[in-house]
Amino acid sequence: MKDTYRVVLNDEEQYSIWWTDRDLPLGWHEEGTVGSREECLQHIERVWTDMRPRSVREARRSANR
């Protein structure tokens, strides 16, 4: 049986993958992508272009105003 994963995201907009047959850990929600481990990791590589946590990005933007 092939494992199926989903892409998950936390409040800091950091990505990970999680098994579809397990409950999500606290603080994480589904991003919408489901597939093999490799498919999910490839999706994350395409969309997660700035790996800094959201709070750091927002603080940086505020400091530059």
C-alpha atoms as a PDB file:
ATOM      1  CA  MET A   1       0.000   0.000   0.000  1.00  0.00           C
ATOM      2  CA  LYS A   2       1.385   3.371  -1.025  1.00  0.00           C
ATOM      3  CA  ASP A   3       1.302   6.110   1.632  1.00  0.00           C
ATOM      4  CA  THR A   4      -0.703   9.216   0.799  1.00  0.00           C
ATOM      5  CA  TYR A   5       0.328  12.569   2.208  1.00  0.00           C
ATOM      6  CA  ARG A   6      -1.116  16.059   2.384  1.00  0.00           C
ATOM      7  CA  VAL A   7       0.628  19.398   2.445  1.00  0.00           C
ATOM      8  CA  VAL A   8       0.053  21.233   5.710  1.00  0.00           C
ATOM      9  CA  LEU A   9       0.716  24.794   6.794  1.00  0.00           C
ATOM     10  CA  ASN A  10       1.042  26.421  10.207  1.00  0.00           C
ATOM     11  CA  ASP A  11       0.152  29.949  11.330  1.00  0.00           C
ATOM     12  CA  GLU A  12       3.675  31.111  10.469  1.00  0.00           C
ATOM     13  CA  GLU A  13       3.097  29.914   6.880  1.00  0.00           C
ATOM     14  CA  GLN A  14       5.679  27.160   7.180  1.00  0.00           C
ATOM     15  CA  TYR A  15       5.021  24.030   5.128  1.00  0.00           C
ATOM     16  CA  SER A  16       5.298  20.340   5.893  1.00  0.00           C
ATOM     17  CA  ILE A  17       3.696  17.061   4.859  1.00  0.00           C
ATOM     18  CA  TRP A  18       1.512  14.770   6.943  1.00  0.00           C
ATOM     19  CA  TRP A  19      -0.122  11.399   6.382  1.00  0.00           C
ATOM     20  CA  THR A  20      -3.721  11.599   5.212  1.00  0.00           C
ATOM     21  CA  ASP A  21      -4.823   8.854   7.592  1.00  0.00           C
ATOM     22  CA  ARG A  22      -3.624  10.674  10.725  1.00  0.00           C
ATOM     23  CA  ASP A  23      -5.026  13.633  12.612  1.00  0.00           C
ATOM     24  CA  LEU A  24      -3.128  16.858  12.081  1.00  0.00           C
ATOM     25  CA  PRO A  25      -0.910  18.062  14.902  1.00  0.00           C
ATOM     26  CA  LEU A  26      -2.114  21.148  16.764  1.00  0.00           C
ATOM     27  CA  GLY A  27      -1.364  24.388  14.966  1.00  0.00           C
ATOM     28  CA  TRP A  28      -1.357  22.898  11.461  1.00  0.00           C
ATOM     29  CA  HIS A  29      -4.055  22.948   8.765  1.00  0.00           C
ATOM     30  CA  GLU A  30      -4.439  21.465   5.313  1.00  0.00           C
ATOM     31  CA  GLU A  31      -3.097  23.478   2.391  1.00  0.00           C
ATOM     32  CA  GLY A  32      -5.079  21.481  -0.173  1.00  0.00           C
ATOM     33  CA  THR A  33      -2.456  19.363  -1.943  1.00  0.00           C
ATOM     34  CA  VAL A  34      -2.653  15.569  -1.557  1.00  0.00           C
ATOM     35  CA  GLY A  35      -0.469  12.933  -3.188  1.00  0.00           C
ATOM     36  CA  SER A  36       2.641  10.854  -2.795  1.00  0.00           C
ATOM     37  CA  ARG A  37       5.442  12.036  -0.539  1.00  0.00           C
ATOM     38  CA  GLU A  38       7.462  13.136  -3.553  1.00  0.00           C
ATOM     39  CA  GLU A  39       4.525  14.982  -5.155  1.00  0.00           C
ATOM     40  CA  CYS A  40       3.848  16.883  -1.947  1.00  0.00           C
ATOM     41  CA  LEU A  41       7.507  17.772  -1.458  1.00  0.00           C
ATOM     42  CA  GLN A  42       7.762  18.972  -5.059  1.00  0.00           C
ATOM     43  CA  HIS A  43       4.717  21.176  -4.539  1.00  0.00           C
ATOM     44  CA  ILE A  44       6.251  22.690  -1.396  1.00  0.00           C
ATOM     45  CA  GLU A  45       9.493  23.351  -3.274  1.00  0.00           C
ATOM     46  CA  ARG A  46       7.522  25.290  -5.925  1.00  0.00           C
ATOM     47  CA  VAL A  47       5.369  27.397  -3.584  1.00  0.00           C
ATOM     48  CA  TRP A  48       7.525  27.987  -0.500  1.00  0.00           C
ATOM     49  CA  THR A  49       9.913  30.546  -1.932  1.00  0.00           C
ATOM     50  CA  ASP A  50      10.583  32.518   1.254  1.00  0.00           C
ATOM     51  CA  MET A  51      11.320  30.208   4.164  1.00  0.00           C
ATOM     52  CA  ARG A  52      11.283  32.912   6.823  1.00  0.00           C
ATOM     53  CA  PRO A  53       8.339  32.619   9.235  1.00  0.00           C
ATOM     54  CA  ARG A  54       5.477  35.031   8.504  1.00  0.00           C
ATOM     55  CA  SER A  55       6.133  37.050  11.687  1.00  0.00           C
ATOM     56  CA  VAL A  56       9.734  37.672  10.606  1.00  0.00           C
ATOM     57  CA  ARG A  57       8.682  38.745   7.092  1.00  0.00           C
ATOM     58  CA  GLU A  58       6.063  41.130   8.506  1.00  0.00           C
ATOM     59  CA  ALA A  59       8.488  42.614  11.042  1.00  0.00           C
ATOM     60  CA  ARG A  60      11.010  43.186   8.259  1.00  0.00           C
ATOM     61  CA  ARG A  61       8.393  44.920   6.097  1.00  0.00           C
ATOM     62  CA  SER A  62       7.345  47.155   9.002  1.00  0.00           C
ATOM     63  CA  ALA A  63      10.950  48.091   9.746  1.00  0.00           C
ATOM     64  CA  ASN A  64      11.509  49.119   6.112  1.00  0.00           C
ATOM     65  CA  ARG A  65       8.611  51.584   6.039  1.00  0.00           C
END
